[in-house]
Amino acid sequence: QVQLVESGGGLVQVGGSLTLSCVASGGSISSYAMSWFRQAPGERREFVAAITGGGMIKYYGDYMEGRFTISRDNAKNTMTLQMDSLKVEDTAIYYCGAGVAISRGTGIYDYWGQGTQVTVSS
């Protein structure tokens, strides 16, 4: 059973940067596609980015490519989301997920972390 723990969230001003990490335990993530989703209060969970097991294919959500960069280090069982040029509308809880295939939908991901709060202030 893969367990995921996110970290790196916090309070940042508009235009600032944050790096989120997702560390896995209980098994290797090398065969899993990994993803980031986010959820703001009262909103549906929104796709942010995803990466295949080998890291060769990456997907990004709307308005995020160019500002966000997803990466992974399978040797460290870790996935990272570098977020630059942050906007107020990026405020949300960010969740990492692991699944058998890369997807922009939540349904394919079997394992989820508890989330980390990102707050962007103006």
C-alpha atoms as a PDB file:
ATOM      1  CA  GLN A   1       0.000   0.000   0.000  1.00  0.00           C
ATOM      2  CA  VAL A   2       1.575   3.241  -1.167  1.00  0.00           C
ATOM      3  CA  GLN A   3       1.288   6.152   1.233  1.00  0.00           C
ATOM      4  CA  LEU A   4       1.829   9.715   0.057  1.00  0.00           C
ATOM      5  CA  VAL A   5       2.735  12.765   2.102  1.00  0.00           C
ATOM      6  CA  GLU A   6       2.788  16.283   0.659  1.00  0.00           C
ATOM      7  CA  SER A   7       4.806  19.158   2.024  1.00  0.00           C
ATOM      8  CA  GLY A   8       6.047  22.572   1.048  1.00  0.00           C
ATOM      9  CA  GLY A   9       2.833  24.552   1.127  1.00  0.00           C
ATOM     10  CA  GLY A  10       2.567  27.896   2.822  1.00  0.00           C
ATOM     11  CA  LEU A  11       1.794  31.579   2.454  1.00  0.00           C
ATOM     12  CA  VAL A  12       3.396  33.468  -0.411  1.00  0.00           C
ATOM     13  CA  GLN A  13       2.793  36.787  -2.131  1.00  0.00           C
ATOM     14  CA  VAL A  14       1.589  37.192  -5.678  1.00  0.00           C
ATOM     15  CA  GLY A  15       4.440  36.538  -8.070  1.00  0.00           C
ATOM     16  CA  GLY A  16       6.281  34.371  -5.609  1.00  0.00           C
ATOM     17  CA  SER A  17       7.309  30.733  -5.818  1.00  0.00           C
ATOM     18  CA  LEU A  18       6.796  27.552  -3.873  1.00  0.00           C
ATOM     19  CA  THR A  19       8.069  24.027  -4.267  1.00  0.00           C
ATOM     20  CA  LEU A  20       5.756  21.217  -3.241  1.00  0.00           C
ATOM     21  CA  SER A  21       7.026  17.732  -2.544  1.00  0.00           C
ATOM     22  CA  CYS A  22       5.248  14.411  -2.413  1.00  0.00           C
ATOM     23  CA  VAL A  23       7.125  11.626  -0.676  1.00  0.00           C
ATOM     24  CA  ALA A  24       5.968   8.044  -0.989  1.00  0.00           C
ATOM     25  CA  SER A  25       6.396   5.153   1.411  1.00  0.00           C
ATOM     26  CA  GLY A  26       5.218   1.571   1.503  1.00  0.00           C
ATOM     27  CA  GLY A  27       6.351   0.834  -2.023  1.00  0.00           C
ATOM     28  CA  SER A  28       8.178   2.170  -5.040  1.00  0.00           C
ATOM     29  CA  ILE A  29       6.438   4.786  -7.164  1.00  0.00           C
ATOM     30  CA  SER A  30       8.562   4.069 -10.215  1.00  0.00           C
ATOM     31  CA  SER A  31       5.762   2.151 -11.928  1.00  0.00           C
ATOM     32  CA  TYR A  32       3.098   4.731 -11.081  1.00  0.00           C
ATOM     33  CA  ALA A  33       2.005   7.806 -12.886  1.00  0.00           C
ATOM     34  CA  MET A  34       1.965  10.663 -10.400  1.00  0.00           C
ATOM     35  CA  SER A  35      -0.193  13.729 -10.325  1.00  0.00           C
ATOM     36  CA  TRP A  36      -1.001  16.975  -8.592  1.00  0.00           C
ATOM     37  CA  PHE A  37      -4.547  18.201  -8.139  1.00  0.00           C
ATOM     38  CA  ARG A  38      -5.836  21.136  -6.147  1.00  0.00           C
ATOM     39  CA  GLN A  39      -9.077  22.029  -4.481  1.00  0.00           C
ATOM     40  CA  ALA A  40     -10.245  25.438  -3.355  1.00  0.00           C
ATOM     41  CA  PRO A  41     -13.107  25.855  -0.866  1.00  0.00           C
ATOM     42  CA  GLY A  42     -16.425  25.099  -2.504  1.00  0.00           C
ATOM     43  CA  GLU A  43     -14.775  23.997  -5.730  1.00  0.00           C
ATOM     44  CA  ARG A  44     -14.208  20.663  -7.427  1.00  0.00           C
ATOM     45  CA  ARG A  45     -10.790  19.050  -7.367  1.00  0.00           C
ATOM     46  CA  GLU A  46      -8.869  20.508 -10.313  1.00  0.00           C
ATOM     47  CA  PHE A  47      -6.100  18.918 -12.333  1.00  0.00           C
ATOM     48  CA  VAL A  48      -2.717  20.629 -12.012  1.00  0.00           C
ATOM     49  CA  ALA A  49      -0.068  18.344 -13.506  1.00  0.00           C
ATOM     50  CA  ALA A  50       0.853  14.713 -14.036  1.00  0.00           C
ATOM     51  CA  ILE A  51       3.913  12.719 -15.004  1.00  0.00           C
ATOM     52  CA  THR A  52       4.448   9.164 -16.204  1.00  0.00           C
ATOM     53  CA  GLY A  53       6.440   6.611 -14.249  1.00  0.00           C
ATOM     54  CA  GLY A  54       9.611   7.213 -16.195  1.00  0.00           C
ATOM     55  CA  GLY A  55       9.106  10.949 -16.310  1.00  0.00           C
ATOM     56  CA  MET A  56       9.048  11.182 -20.089  1.00  0.00           C
ATOM     57  CA  ILE A  57       5.491  12.464 -20.489  1.00  0.00           C
ATOM     58  CA  LYS A  58       4.042  15.400 -18.567  1.00  0.00           C
ATOM     59  CA  TYR A  59       0.596  16.925 -18.639  1.00  0.00           C
ATOM     60  CA  TYR A  60      -0.362  20.319 -17.270  1.00  0.00           C
ATOM     61  CA  GLY A  61      -3.697  21.860 -16.469  1.00  0.00           C
ATOM     62  CA  ASP A  62      -5.031  24.943 -18.151  1.00  0.00           C
ATOM     63  CA  TYR A  63      -3.116  28.149 -17.326  1.00  0.00           C
ATOM     64  CA  MET A  64      -0.402  26.213 -15.484  1.00  0.00           C
ATOM     65  CA  GLU A  65       2.060  25.210 -18.161  1.00  0.00           C
ATOM     66  CA  GLY A  66       4.873  27.700 -18.181  1.00  0.00           C
ATOM     67  CA  ARG A  67       4.387  28.565 -14.522  1.00  0.00           C
ATOM     68  CA  PHE A  68       4.387  25.094 -12.941  1.00  0.00           C
ATOM     69  CA  THR A  69       6.927  22.314 -13.475  1.00  0.00           C
ATOM     70  CA  ILE A  70       6.389  18.729 -12.397  1.00  0.00           C
ATOM     71  CA  SER A  71       9.302  16.371 -11.862  1.00  0.00           C
ATOM     72  CA  ARG A  72      10.106  13.153 -10.074  1.00  0.00           C
ATOM     73  CA  ASP A  73      13.042  11.300  -8.580  1.00  0.00           C
ATOM     74  CA  ASN A  74      12.202   7.617  -8.439  1.00  0.00           C
ATOM     75  CA  ALA A  75      15.393   6.812  -6.562  1.00  0.00           C
ATOM     76  CA  LYS A  76      14.119   9.026  -3.746  1.00  0.00           C
ATOM     77  CA  ASN A  77      10.478   8.011  -4.188  1.00  0.00           C
ATOM     78  CA  THR A  78       9.632  11.680  -4.526  1.00  0.00           C
ATOM     79  CA  MET A  79       7.695  13.937  -6.849  1.00  0.00           C
ATOM     80  CA  THR A  80       7.989  17.720  -6.944  1.00  0.00           C
ATOM     81  CA  LEU A  81       5.889  20.601  -8.205  1.00  0.00           C
ATOM     82  CA  GLN A  82       7.756  23.853  -8.767  1.00  0.00           C
ATOM     83  CA  MET A  83       5.288  26.730  -8.829  1.00  0.00           C
ATOM     84  CA  ASP A  84       6.402  30.142 -10.078  1.00  0.00           C
ATOM     85  CA  SER A  85       4.604  33.414 -10.754  1.00  0.00           C
ATOM     86  CA  LEU A  86       1.907  32.457  -8.311  1.00  0.00           C
ATOM     87  CA  LYS A  87      -1.490  34.127  -8.487  1.00  0.00           C
ATOM     88  CA  VAL A  88      -4.227  34.599  -5.925  1.00  0.00           C
ATOM     89  CA  GLU A  89      -6.330  32.075  -7.825  1.00  0.00           C
ATOM     90  CA  ASP A  90      -3.679  29.402  -7.178  1.00  0.00           C
ATOM     91  CA  THR A  91      -4.791  29.356  -3.536  1.00  0.00           C
ATOM     92  CA  ALA A  92      -6.000  25.844  -2.704  1.00  0.00           C
ATOM     93  CA  ILE A  93      -5.127  22.603  -1.008  1.00  0.00           C
ATOM     94  CA  TYR A  94      -2.753  20.680  -3.249  1.00  0.00           C
ATOM     95  CA  TYR A  95      -2.936  16.884  -3.345  1.00  0.00           C
ATOM     96  CA  CYS A  96      -0.633  14.343  -4.918  1.00  0.00           C
ATOM     97  CA  GLY A  97      -1.928  11.128  -6.367  1.00  0.00           C
ATOM     98  CA  ALA A  98      -0.483   7.878  -7.724  1.00  0.00           C
ATOM     99  CA  GLY A  99      -2.097   5.657 -10.323  1.00  0.00           C
ATOM    100  CA  VAL A 100      -1.485   3.049 -12.974  1.00  0.00           C
ATOM    101  CA  ALA A 101      -1.685   5.492 -15.875  1.00  0.00           C
ATOM    102  CA  ILE A 102      -1.346   9.186 -16.513  1.00  0.00           C
ATOM    103  CA  SER A 103      -4.612  11.051 -16.664  1.00  0.00           C
ATOM    104  CA  ARG A 104      -6.120  14.488 -16.167  1.00  0.00           C
ATOM    105  CA  GLY A 105      -8.989  12.900 -14.261  1.00  0.00           C
ATOM    106  CA  THR A 106      -9.038  11.873 -10.619  1.00  0.00           C
ATOM    107  CA  GLY A 107     -10.521   8.435 -11.188  1.00  0.00           C
ATOM    108  CA  ILE A 108      -7.343   6.697 -12.347  1.00  0.00           C
ATOM    109  CA  TYR A 109      -5.398   7.577  -9.200  1.00  0.00           C
ATOM    110  CA  ASP A 110      -5.668   5.016  -6.413  1.00  0.00           C
ATOM    111  CA  TYR A 111      -3.530   6.646  -3.768  1.00  0.00           C
ATOM    112  CA  TRP A 112      -3.767  10.179  -2.398  1.00  0.00           C
ATOM    113  CA  GLY A 113      -1.963  12.275   0.139  1.00  0.00           C
ATOM    114  CA  GLN A 114      -3.645  14.409   2.774  1.00  0.00           C
ATOM    115  CA  GLY A 115      -2.876  17.666   0.996  1.00  0.00           C
ATOM    116  CA  THR A 116      -0.842  20.772   1.679  1.00  0.00           C
ATOM    117  CA  GLN A 117      -2.291  24.290   1.822  1.00  0.00           C
ATOM    118  CA  VAL A 118      -1.037  26.936  -0.569  1.00  0.00           C
ATOM    119  CA  THR A 119      -2.168  30.497   0.051  1.00  0.00           C
ATOM    120  CA  VAL A 120      -1.224  33.322  -2.287  1.00  0.00           C
ATOM    121  CA  SER A 121      -1.855  36.816  -0.968  1.00  0.00           C
ATOM    122  CA  SER A 122      -2.113  40.055  -2.917  1.00  0.00           C
END
